C-alpha atoms as a PDB file:
ATOM      1  CA  MET A   1      94.585 104.279  89.472  1.00  0.00           C
ATOM      2  CA  ARG A   2      97.026 102.193  91.502  1.00  0.00           C
ATOM      3  CA  VAL A   3     100.261 103.642  92.866  1.00  0.00           C
ATOM      4  CA  LEU A   4     103.529 101.796  93.411  1.00  0.00           C
ATOM      5  CA  PHE A   5     105.940 103.887  95.492  1.00  0.00           C
ATOM      6  CA  ILE A   6     109.590 102.837  95.488  1.00  0.00           C
ATOM      7  CA  PHE A   7     111.478 104.710  98.181  1.00  0.00           C
ATOM      8  CA  VAL A   8     115.243 104.784  97.537  1.00  0.00           C
ATOM      9  CA  ASP A   9     117.203 106.140 100.499  1.00  0.00           C
ATOM     10  CA  GLY A  10     119.961 108.715 100.067  1.00  0.00           C
ATOM     11  CA  VAL A  11     119.844 109.607  96.376  1.00  0.00           C
ATOM     12  CA  GLY A  12     120.038 113.190  95.187  1.00  0.00           C
ATOM     13  CA  LEU A  13     120.320 114.797  91.779  1.00  0.00           C
ATOM     14  CA  GLY A  14     124.025 115.548  91.449  1.00  0.00           C
ATOM     15  CA  GLU A  15     126.268 117.011  88.798  1.00  0.00           C
ATOM     16  CA  PRO A  16     127.353 114.850  85.834  1.00  0.00           C
ATOM     17  CA  ALA A  17     130.744 114.548  87.509  1.00  0.00           C
ATOM     18  CA  PRO A  18     133.354 111.761  87.928  1.00  0.00           C
ATOM     19  CA  GLU A  19     132.306 111.167  91.555  1.00  0.00           C
ATOM     20  CA  ASN A  20     128.654 110.567  90.587  1.00  0.00           C
ATOM     21  CA  PRO A  21     127.913 106.841  90.084  1.00  0.00           C
ATOM     22  CA  PHE A  22     124.924 107.713  87.925  1.00  0.00           C
ATOM     23  CA  THR A  23     127.498 109.195  85.543  1.00  0.00           C
ATOM     24  CA  PHE A  24     130.212 106.517  85.604  1.00  0.00           C
ATOM     25  CA  THR A  25     127.903 103.473  85.765  1.00  0.00           C
ATOM     26  CA  GLU A  26     126.018 102.127  82.783  1.00  0.00           C
ATOM     27  CA  THR A  27     122.287 102.536  83.395  1.00  0.00           C
ATOM     28  CA  PRO A  28     120.571 101.327  80.233  1.00  0.00           C
ATOM     29  CA  PHE A  29     117.043 101.657  81.596  1.00  0.00           C
ATOM     30  CA  LEU A  30     117.318 105.076  83.224  1.00  0.00           C
ATOM     31  CA  THR A  31     119.356 106.449  80.329  1.00  0.00           C
ATOM     32  CA  SER A  32     116.829 105.266  77.762  1.00  0.00           C
ATOM     33  CA  LEU A  33     114.022 106.661  79.910  1.00  0.00           C
ATOM     34  CA  LEU A  34     115.691 110.091  80.019  1.00  0.00           C
ATOM     35  CA  SER A  35     116.398 110.403  76.290  1.00  0.00           C
ATOM     36  CA  GLY A  36     119.969 109.172  76.522  1.00  0.00           C
ATOM     37  CA  LYS A  37     121.006 111.229  79.559  1.00  0.00           C
ATOM     38  CA  PRO A  38     121.995 109.993  83.053  1.00  0.00           C
ATOM     39  CA  LEU A  39     120.027 110.699  86.228  1.00  0.00           C
ATOM     40  CA  THR A  40     121.586 114.056  87.130  1.00  0.00           C
ATOM     41  CA  ARG A  41     120.544 117.561  88.149  1.00  0.00           C
ATOM     42  CA  GLU A  42     120.329 118.821  84.580  1.00  0.00           C
ATOM     43  CA  MET A  43     117.492 116.389  83.862  1.00  0.00           C
ATOM     44  CA  SER A  44     115.141 117.859  86.481  1.00  0.00           C
ATOM     45  CA  GLY A  45     111.988 118.969  84.721  1.00  0.00           C
ATOM     46  CA  PHE A  46     112.271 116.253  82.058  1.00  0.00           C
ATOM     47  CA  HIS A  47     108.944 115.121  80.629  1.00  0.00           C
ATOM     48  CA  ASP A  48     107.951 112.993  77.670  1.00  0.00           C
ATOM     49  CA  GLY A  49     105.282 110.479  76.773  1.00  0.00           C
ATOM     50  CA  ARG A  50     106.630 107.868  79.169  1.00  0.00           C
ATOM     51  CA  ALA A  51     108.232 109.518  82.203  1.00  0.00           C
ATOM     52  CA  THR A  52     108.633 112.703  84.222  1.00  0.00           C
ATOM     53  CA  LEU A  53     111.554 113.629  86.463  1.00  0.00           C
ATOM     54  CA  GLN A  54     111.186 116.391  89.018  1.00  0.00           C
ATOM     55  CA  GLY A  55     113.855 117.541  91.467  1.00  0.00           C
ATOM     56  CA  ILE A  56     112.370 118.491  94.857  1.00  0.00           C
ATOM     57  CA  ASP A  57     113.740 120.264  97.912  1.00  0.00           C
ATOM     58  CA  ALA A  58     114.818 118.139 100.891  1.00  0.00           C
ATOM     59  CA  ARG A  59     115.955 121.034 103.132  1.00  0.00           C
ATOM     60  CA  LEU A  60     112.419 122.225 103.905  1.00  0.00           C
ATOM     61  CA  GLY A  61     113.568 125.619 105.152  1.00  0.00           C
ATOM     62  CA  VAL A  62     115.712 124.201 107.971  1.00  0.00           C
ATOM     63  CA  GLU A  63     119.459 124.794 108.232  1.00  0.00           C
ATOM     64  CA  GLY A  64     121.828 121.842 108.042  1.00  0.00           C
ATOM     65  CA  LEU A  65     122.102 118.686 105.998  1.00  0.00           C
ATOM     66  CA  PRO A  66     118.844 116.805 105.391  1.00  0.00           C
ATOM     67  CA  GLN A  67     118.655 113.531 107.304  1.00  0.00           C
ATOM     68  CA  SER A  68     116.791 110.232 107.173  1.00  0.00           C
ATOM     69  CA  ALA A  69     114.355 110.370 110.092  1.00  0.00           C
ATOM     70  CA  THR A  70     112.934 113.804 109.295  1.00  0.00           C
ATOM     71  CA  GLY A  71     113.151 113.381 105.525  1.00  0.00           C
ATOM     72  CA  GLN A  72     111.269 110.100 105.542  1.00  0.00           C
ATOM     73  CA  ALA A  73     108.719 111.431 108.026  1.00  0.00           C
ATOM     74  CA  ALA A  74     108.067 114.318 105.643  1.00  0.00           C
ATOM     75  CA  LEU A  75     107.675 111.945 102.691  1.00  0.00           C
ATOM     76  CA  PHE A  76     105.387 109.544 104.522  1.00  0.00           C
ATOM     77  CA  THR A  77     103.153 112.092 106.284  1.00  0.00           C
ATOM     78  CA  GLY A  78     103.122 115.144 104.011  1.00  0.00           C
ATOM     79  CA  THR A  79     104.243 117.220 107.015  1.00  0.00           C
ATOM     80  CA  ASN A  80     107.360 119.379 107.324  1.00  0.00           C
ATOM     81  CA  ALA A  81     109.051 117.199 109.939  1.00  0.00           C
ATOM     82  CA  PRO A  82     112.325 119.192 110.131  1.00  0.00           C
ATOM     83  CA  ALA A  83     110.336 122.356 110.833  1.00  0.00           C
ATOM     84  CA  LEU A  84     108.311 120.505 113.466  1.00  0.00           C
ATOM     85  CA  LEU A  85     111.520 119.576 115.315  1.00  0.00           C
ATOM     86  CA  GLY A  86     113.513 122.659 114.381  1.00  0.00           C
ATOM     87  CA  TYR A  87     116.353 120.513 113.018  1.00  0.00           C
ATOM     88  CA  HIS A  88     117.131 117.584 110.748  1.00  0.00           C
ATOM     89  CA  LEU A  89     117.173 114.272 112.633  1.00  0.00           C
ATOM     90  CA  ASN A  90     119.323 111.374 111.467  1.00  0.00           C
ATOM     91  CA  GLY A  91     118.697 107.690 112.020  1.00  0.00           C
ATOM     92  CA  PHE A  92     115.437 106.709 113.673  1.00  0.00           C
ATOM     93  CA  PRO A  93     112.400 108.808 114.655  1.00  0.00           C
ATOM     94  CA  ASN A  94     112.218 110.291 118.151  1.00  0.00           C
ATOM     95  CA  SER A  95     109.026 110.450 120.220  1.00  0.00           C
ATOM     96  CA  THR A  96     107.752 113.553 118.406  1.00  0.00           C
ATOM     97  CA  LEU A  97     108.168 111.976 115.002  1.00  0.00           C
ATOM     98  CA  ARG A  98     106.671 108.703 116.202  1.00  0.00           C
ATOM     99  CA  ARG A  99     103.519 110.590 117.219  1.00  0.00           C
ATOM    100  CA  LEU A 100     103.447 112.289 113.826  1.00  0.00           C
ATOM    101  CA  LEU A 101     103.816 108.941 112.042  1.00  0.00           C
ATOM    102  CA  ALA A 102     101.064 107.430 114.185  1.00  0.00           C
ATOM    103  CA  GLU A 103      98.666 110.264 113.408  1.00  0.00           C
ATOM    104  CA  ARG A 104      99.497 111.058 109.788  1.00  0.00           C
ATOM    105  CA  GLY A 105     101.366 108.070 108.350  1.00  0.00           C
ATOM    106  CA  ILE A 106     100.497 107.415 104.726  1.00  0.00           C
ATOM    107  CA  PHE A 107      99.073 103.953 105.380  1.00  0.00           C
ATOM    108  CA  ALA A 108      96.810 105.194 108.163  1.00  0.00           C
ATOM    109  CA  GLN A 109      95.572 108.051 105.973  1.00  0.00           C
ATOM    110  CA  LEU A 110      94.897 105.896 102.928  1.00  0.00           C
ATOM    111  CA  ARG A 111      93.311 103.019 104.814  1.00  0.00           C
ATOM    112  CA  ARG A 112      90.848 105.427 106.444  1.00  0.00           C
ATOM    113  CA  GLU A 113      89.743 106.268 102.916  1.00  0.00           C
ATOM    114  CA  GLY A 114      89.279 102.615 102.009  1.00  0.00           C
ATOM    115  CA  TYR A 115      92.399 102.003  99.934  1.00  0.00           C
ATOM    116  CA  ARG A 116      94.075  98.596 100.035  1.00  0.00           C
ATOM    117  CA  CYS A 117      97.713  99.095 101.062  1.00  0.00           C
ATOM    118  CA  ALA A 118     100.872  97.031 101.526  1.00  0.00           C
ATOM    119  CA  PHE A 119     104.444  97.490 102.675  1.00  0.00           C
ATOM    120  CA  VAL A 120     106.222  94.918 100.526  1.00  0.00           C
ATOM    121  CA  ASN A 121     109.496  94.524 102.468  1.00  0.00           C
ATOM    122  CA  ALA A 122     110.070  91.208 104.269  1.00  0.00           C
ATOM    123  CA  TYR A 123     111.433  91.041 107.833  1.00  0.00           C
ATOM    124  CA  ARG A 124     113.711  88.529 109.546  1.00  0.00           C
ATOM    125  CA  PRO A 125     112.424  86.336 112.417  1.00  0.00           C
ATOM    126  CA  ALA A 126     113.987  88.499 115.160  1.00  0.00           C
ATOM    127  CA  PHE A 127     111.710  91.366 114.186  1.00  0.00           C
ATOM    128  CA  PHE A 128     108.584  89.360 114.900  1.00  0.00           C
ATOM    129  CA  GLU A 129     109.815  88.657 118.417  1.00  0.00           C
ATOM    130  CA  GLU A 130     109.944  92.436 118.974  1.00  0.00           C
ATOM    131  CA  LEU A 131     106.567  92.822 117.336  1.00  0.00           C
ATOM    132  CA  GLN A 132     104.975  90.628 119.988  1.00  0.00           C
ATOM    133  CA  GLN A 133     106.024  93.276 122.527  1.00  0.00           C
ATOM    134  CA  GLY A 134     104.504  96.126 120.521  1.00  0.00           C
ATOM    135  CA  LEU A 135     107.729  97.495 119.032  1.00  0.00           C
ATOM    136  CA  PRO A 136     109.013  98.917 122.322  1.00  0.00           C
ATOM    137  CA  GLY A 137     112.470  99.795 120.985  1.00  0.00           C
ATOM    138  CA  ARG A 138     113.457 103.097 119.456  1.00  0.00           C
ATOM    139  CA  ARG A 139     115.466 101.738 116.524  1.00  0.00           C
ATOM    140  CA  HIS A 140     112.712 101.329 113.988  1.00  0.00           C
ATOM    141  CA  SER A 141     112.553 103.125 110.669  1.00  0.00           C
ATOM    142  CA  CYS A 142     109.770 105.405 109.522  1.00  0.00           C
ATOM    143  CA  SER A 143     108.565 102.761 107.078  1.00  0.00           C
ATOM    144  CA  THR A 144     108.283 100.146 109.828  1.00  0.00           C
ATOM    145  CA  LEU A 145     106.421 102.583 112.057  1.00  0.00           C
ATOM    146  CA  ILE A 146     103.907 103.705 109.442  1.00  0.00           C
ATOM    147  CA  THR A 147     103.193 100.045 108.724  1.00  0.00           C
ATOM    148  CA  TYR A 148     102.728  99.318 112.425  1.00  0.00           C
ATOM    149  CA  TYR A 149     100.607 102.383 113.143  1.00  0.00           C
ATOM    150  CA  GLY A 150      98.654 101.852 109.930  1.00  0.00           C
ATOM    151  CA  GLY A 151      97.570  98.408 111.105  1.00  0.00           C
ATOM    152  CA  LEU A 152      99.106  96.540 108.171  1.00  0.00           C
ATOM    153  CA  PRO A 153     100.595  93.044 108.367  1.00  0.00           C
ATOM    154  CA  PHE A 154     104.355  92.610 108.217  1.00  0.00           C
ATOM    155  CA  TYR A 155     105.740  90.111 105.732  1.00  0.00           C
ATOM    156  CA  SER A 156     108.062  87.314 106.845  1.00  0.00           C
ATOM    157  CA  LEU A 157     110.744  85.279 105.090  1.00  0.00           C
ATOM    158  CA  GLU A 158     108.084  82.647 104.475  1.00  0.00           C
ATOM    159  CA  ASP A 159     106.120  85.277 102.567  1.00  0.00           C
ATOM    160  CA  LEU A 160     109.293  86.132 100.676  1.00  0.00           C
ATOM    161  CA  LYS A 161     109.824  82.496  99.676  1.00  0.00           C
ATOM    162  CA  ALA A 162     106.195  82.365  98.541  1.00  0.00           C
ATOM    163  CA  GLY A 163     106.745  85.360  96.247  1.00  0.00           C
ATOM    164  CA  LYS A 164     104.601  87.709  98.343  1.00  0.00           C
ATOM    165  CA  ALA A 165     107.389  90.074  99.480  1.00  0.00           C
ATOM    166  CA  LEU A 166     110.921  91.297  98.738  1.00  0.00           C
ATOM    167  CA  TYR A 167     113.939  91.693 100.973  1.00  0.00           C
ATOM    168  CA  MET A 168     115.513  95.107 101.165  1.00  0.00           C
ATOM    169  CA  ASP A 169     118.559  94.091  99.058  1.00  0.00           C
ATOM    170  CA  LEU A 170     116.292  92.789  96.251  1.00  0.00           C
ATOM    171  CA  THR A 171     118.326  89.630  95.512  1.00  0.00           C
ATOM    172  CA  ASN A 172     118.362  87.903  98.973  1.00  0.00           C
ATOM    173  CA  GLU A 173     122.163  87.811  98.914  1.00  0.00           C
ATOM    174  CA  LEU A 174     122.381  89.361 102.379  1.00  0.00           C
ATOM    175  CA  LEU A 175     119.929  86.829 103.782  1.00  0.00           C
ATOM    176  CA  GLN A 176     121.982  83.967 102.399  1.00  0.00           C
ATOM    177  CA  ARG A 177     125.108  85.422 103.988  1.00  0.00           C
ATOM    178  CA  MET A 178     123.285  85.408 107.329  1.00  0.00           C
ATOM    179  CA  GLY A 179     122.454  81.746 106.880  1.00  0.00           C
ATOM    180  CA  PHE A 180     118.763  81.969 105.943  1.00  0.00           C
ATOM    181  CA  PRO A 181     117.631  79.283 103.442  1.00  0.00           C
ATOM    182  CA  VAL A 182     116.155  81.562 100.801  1.00  0.00           C
ATOM    183  CA  PRO A 183     116.771  81.458  97.048  1.00  0.00           C
ATOM    184  CA  LEU A 184     118.828  84.057  95.237  1.00  0.00           C
ATOM    185  CA  ILE A 185     116.904  86.047  92.650  1.00  0.00           C
ATOM    186  CA  THR A 186     118.054  88.566  90.068  1.00  0.00           C
ATOM    187  CA  PRO A 187     117.192  92.281  90.243  1.00  0.00           C
ATOM    188  CA  GLU A 188     115.000  91.702  87.199  1.00  0.00           C
ATOM    189  CA  GLU A 189     113.017  88.944  88.922  1.00  0.00           C
ATOM    190  CA  ALA A 190     112.680  91.192  91.977  1.00  0.00           C
ATOM    191  CA  GLY A 191     111.229  93.887  89.729  1.00  0.00           C
ATOM    192  CA  ARG A 192     108.757  91.543  88.100  1.00  0.00           C
ATOM    193  CA  ARG A 193     107.737  90.219  91.519  1.00  0.00           C
ATOM    194  CA  LEU A 194     107.160  93.714  92.873  1.00  0.00           C
ATOM    195  CA  ALA A 195     104.960  94.552  89.892  1.00  0.00           C
ATOM    196  CA  ARG A 196     102.899  91.390  90.458  1.00  0.00           C
ATOM    197  CA  ILE A 197     102.454  92.225  94.136  1.00  0.00           C
ATOM    198  CA  ALA A 198     101.514  95.836  93.398  1.00  0.00           C
ATOM    199  CA  ARG A 199      98.646  94.741  91.174  1.00  0.00           C
ATOM    200  CA  GLN A 200      96.925  93.284  94.243  1.00  0.00           C
ATOM    201  CA  PHE A 201      96.717  96.641  96.037  1.00  0.00           C
ATOM    202  CA  ASP A 202      95.696 100.236  95.476  1.00  0.00           C
ATOM    203  CA  PHE A 203      98.918 101.489  97.044  1.00  0.00           C
ATOM    204  CA  ALA A 204     102.127  99.527  97.617  1.00  0.00           C
ATOM    205  CA  LEU A 205     105.410 100.762  99.091  1.00  0.00           C
ATOM    206  CA  PHE A 206     108.872  99.202  98.817  1.00  0.00           C
ATOM    207  CA  GLU A 207     111.973 100.577 100.534  1.00  0.00           C
ATOM    208  CA  TYR A 208     115.582 100.232  99.344  1.00  0.00           C
ATOM    209  CA  PHE A 209     118.203 101.728 101.645  1.00  0.00           C
ATOM    210  CA  LEU A 210     121.510 100.190 100.508  1.00  0.00           C
ATOM    211  CA  SER A 211     121.901 103.288  98.329  1.00  0.00           C
ATOM    212  CA  ASP A 212     122.421 105.468 101.414  1.00  0.00           C
ATOM    213  CA  TYR A 213     124.808 102.913 102.892  1.00  0.00           C
ATOM    214  CA  ALA A 214     126.867 102.889  99.699  1.00  0.00           C
ATOM    215  CA  GLY A 215     126.982 106.679  99.683  1.00  0.00           C
ATOM    216  CA  HIS A 216     128.446 106.725 103.179  1.00  0.00           C
ATOM    217  CA  LEU A 217     131.072 104.156 102.167  1.00  0.00           C
ATOM    218  CA  ALA A 218     132.086 106.457  99.284  1.00  0.00           C
ATOM    219  CA  SER A 219     133.260 103.381  97.384  1.00  0.00           C
ATOM    220  CA  ARG A 220     133.085 103.601  93.601  1.00  0.00           C
ATOM    221  CA  GLU A 221     132.832  99.820  93.331  1.00  0.00           C
ATOM    222  CA  GLU A 222     129.992  99.484  95.818  1.00  0.00           C
ATOM    223  CA  ALA A 223     128.149 102.546  94.491  1.00  0.00           C
ATOM    224  CA  GLY A 224     128.423 101.298  90.935  1.00  0.00           C
ATOM    225  CA  LYS A 225     127.022  97.928  91.955  1.00  0.00           C
ATOM    226  CA  ILE A 226     124.078  99.575  93.719  1.00  0.00           C
ATOM    227  CA  VAL A 227     123.264 101.863  90.789  1.00  0.00           C
ATOM    228  CA  SER A 228     123.462  98.982  88.314  1.00  0.00           C
ATOM    229  CA  THR A 229     121.232  96.792  90.497  1.00  0.00           C
ATOM    230  CA  LEU A 230     118.666  99.567  90.826  1.00  0.00           C
ATOM    231  CA  ASP A 231     118.674 100.203  87.080  1.00  0.00           C
ATOM    232  CA  HIS A 232     117.967  96.564  86.222  1.00  0.00           C
ATOM    233  CA  PHE A 233     115.341  96.344  88.959  1.00  0.00           C
ATOM    234  CA  LEU A 234     113.514  99.515  87.927  1.00  0.00           C
ATOM    235  CA  GLY A 235     113.566  98.513  84.293  1.00  0.00           C
ATOM    236  CA  ALA A 236     111.856  95.220  85.102  1.00  0.00           C
ATOM    237  CA  VAL A 237     109.273  96.941  87.315  1.00  0.00           C
ATOM    238  CA  ALA A 238     108.379  99.487  84.659  1.00  0.00           C
ATOM    239  CA  GLN A 239     108.173  96.898  81.883  1.00  0.00           C
ATOM    240  CA  SER A 240     105.846  94.745  84.002  1.00  0.00           C
ATOM    241  CA  LEU A 241     103.310  97.474  84.805  1.00  0.00           C
ATOM    242  CA  ASP A 242     100.477  98.815  82.694  1.00  0.00           C
ATOM    243  CA  PRO A 243     101.080 102.596  82.715  1.00  0.00           C
ATOM    244  CA  GLU A 244      97.374 103.248  82.298  1.00  0.00           C
ATOM    245  CA  GLU A 245      96.587 101.311  85.474  1.00  0.00           C
ATOM    246  CA  THR A 246      99.544 102.028  87.778  1.00  0.00           C
ATOM    247  CA  LEU A 247     101.629 105.114  88.437  1.00  0.00           C
ATOM    248  CA  LEU A 248     105.173 104.223  89.470  1.00  0.00           C
ATOM    249  CA  ILE A 249     106.703 106.814  91.796  1.00  0.00           C
ATOM    250  CA  LEU A 250     110.367 106.692  92.797  1.00  0.00           C
ATOM    251  CA  ALA A 251     111.499 109.212  95.404  1.00  0.00           C
ATOM    252  CA  SER A 252     114.241 109.747  97.959  1.00  0.00           C
ATOM    253  CA  ASP A 253     114.659 111.559 101.269  1.00  0.00           C
ATOM    254  CA  HIS A 254     118.045 113.302 100.941  1.00  0.00           C
ATOM    255  CA  GLY A 255     121.132 113.324  98.773  1.00  0.00           C
ATOM    256  CA  ASN A 256     124.222 111.175  99.363  1.00  0.00           C
ATOM    257  CA  LEU A 257     124.985 108.498  96.752  1.00  0.00           C
ATOM    258  CA  GLU A 258     125.275 111.018  93.925  1.00  0.00           C
ATOM    259  CA  ASP A 259     128.484 112.521  95.338  1.00  0.00           C
ATOM    260  CA  LEU A 260     131.174 110.077  96.485  1.00  0.00           C
ATOM    261  CA  SER A 261     133.757 112.765  97.168  1.00  0.00           C
ATOM    262  CA  HIS A 262     133.038 112.930 100.924  1.00  0.00           C
ATOM    263  CA  GLY A 263     130.681 110.168 102.147  1.00  0.00           C
ATOM    264  CA  ARG A 264     128.165 112.566 103.703  1.00  0.00           C
ATOM    265  CA  HIS A 265     124.654 113.698 102.914  1.00  0.00           C
ATOM    266  CA  THR A 266     124.266 116.549 100.455  1.00  0.00           C
ATOM    267  CA  LEU A 267     122.096 119.610  99.989  1.00  0.00           C
ATOM    268  CA  ASN A 268     121.047 118.497  96.510  1.00  0.00           C
ATOM    269  CA  GLU A 269     117.462 118.223  95.440  1.00  0.00           C
ATOM    270  CA  VAL A 270     116.163 114.666  95.395  1.00  0.00           C
ATOM    271  CA  PRO A 271     114.441 113.011  92.436  1.00  0.00           C
ATOM    272  CA  VAL A 272     110.810 112.162  92.023  1.00  0.00           C
ATOM    273  CA  LEU A 273     110.588 109.928  88.980  1.00  0.00           C
ATOM    274  CA  LEU A 274     107.088 109.290  87.628  1.00  0.00           C
ATOM    275  CA  ILE A 275     106.317 106.533  85.114  1.00  0.00           C
ATOM    276  CA  GLY A 276     102.748 106.083  83.976  1.00  0.00           C
ATOM    277  CA  ALA A 277      99.880 107.761  82.201  1.00  0.00           C
ATOM    278  CA  GLU A 278     100.932 111.157  80.858  1.00  0.00           C
ATOM    279  CA  ALA A 279      97.727 112.880  81.943  1.00  0.00           C
ATOM    280  CA  VAL A 280      98.317 111.899  85.565  1.00  0.00           C
ATOM    281  CA  ARG A 281     101.950 112.960  85.448  1.00  0.00           C
ATOM    282  CA  ARG A 282     101.027 116.320  83.968  1.00  0.00           C
ATOM    283  CA  ARG A 283      98.588 116.867  86.823  1.00  0.00           C
ATOM    284  CA  VAL A 284     100.905 115.987  89.712  1.00  0.00           C
ATOM    285  CA  ALA A 285     104.396 117.003  88.516  1.00  0.00           C
ATOM    286  CA  PRO A 286     103.950 120.815  88.682  1.00  0.00           C
ATOM    287  CA  ARG A 287     102.903 120.475  92.342  1.00  0.00           C
ATOM    288  CA  LEU A 288     106.045 118.581  93.346  1.00  0.00           C
ATOM    289  CA  ARG A 289     108.275 121.157  95.026  1.00  0.00           C
ATOM    290  CA  ASP A 290     109.528 119.491  98.214  1.00  0.00           C
ATOM    291  CA  LEU A 291     109.277 116.273 100.223  1.00  0.00           C
ATOM    292  CA  THR A 292     105.872 117.149 101.668  1.00  0.00           C
ATOM    293  CA  ASP A 293     104.318 117.181  98.185  1.00  0.00           C
ATOM    294  CA  VAL A 294     104.871 113.485  97.456  1.00  0.00           C
ATOM    295  CA  LEU A 295     102.023 112.172  99.612  1.00  0.00           C
ATOM    296  CA  PRO A 296      99.498 114.578  98.021  1.00  0.00           C
ATOM    297  CA  ALA A 297     100.756 113.359  94.622  1.00  0.00           C
ATOM    298  CA  VAL A 298      99.990 109.798  95.682  1.00  0.00           C
ATOM    299  CA  ARG A 299      96.477 110.800  96.722  1.00  0.00           C
ATOM    300  CA  THR A 300      95.865 112.634  93.453  1.00  0.00           C
ATOM    301  CA  ALA A 301      96.936 109.608  91.436  1.00  0.00           C
ATOM    302  CA  LEU A 302      94.815 107.200  93.493  1.00  0.00           C
ATOM    303  CA  ALA A 303      91.746 109.379  92.962  1.00  0.00           C
ATOM    304  CA  TRP A 304      92.480 109.901  89.275  1.00  0.00           C
ATOM    305  CA  GLY A 305      89.421 108.066  88.027  1.00  0.00           C
ATOM    306  CA  GLY A 306      87.213 110.682  89.681  1.00  0.00           C
ATOM    307  CA  LEU A 307      89.101 113.717  88.393  1.00  0.00           C
ATOM    308  CA  PRO A 308      88.158 115.736  85.321  1.00  0.00           C
ATOM    309  CA  SER A 309      90.518 115.629  82.365  1.00  0.00           C
ATOM    310  CA  PRO A 310      93.331 118.200  82.658  1.00  0.00           C
END
């Protein structure tokens, strides 16, 4: 079975409260998927013939607010990165986490087993100038590092224009604002494109981080726009995939967007949303307890053809 992993930064399962954009924004796809309910804490454990939603722990036994560098390292390596450091690290990985990502990054692990992998995000030209120097800087995300250490190609804006990649904002609006001659696309077209790309690989990863940015802004208008964009995008992805061939996994690294009352990260559990064959979801969902369990879930789904029926 193929796996398409959509990583959405900074989204937790919050209360159905006025400060939660998943409550005050219309989300026709997610609401229909969850039997008429919004994406909130009370829906953790939801399961039906189409989807499963599991809330998982992002604290990983370490005091303090979960953060991006350690949370993403845990997701993308299956290792308790906060425990490894003894604290939650914000921003970009330090030298210890870079070594972890080099040794146990998801792309490196899966490629050693013969799986065809892709990181679908497109990069601007300035990145490729850094790449020629071997990524010497320290301001690179976990996703960039696992792609680099995993030996995968990086996609350019030319790849984006050819329909082979997506920009991190989905619609290319930010690229146009920066003066790049790329066409605007709708969230729905971005979703259909991602599904087409995913069919070419065993495992594909796409990262969306404007959700965390919107959470820090604590702006109802911006948060509502982000949630609406994601809903239309995810709906198009799901409708374009064959659930018997591809498991769609959406997961996050820490809470933030779900509570606009303060503009900081939260202690909330984060969602793992599974869309695909029910037998696969029944196998992997009970094992999803914290961030380190997502990578093993990916491996289980990829190997599904060789597993006995549950």
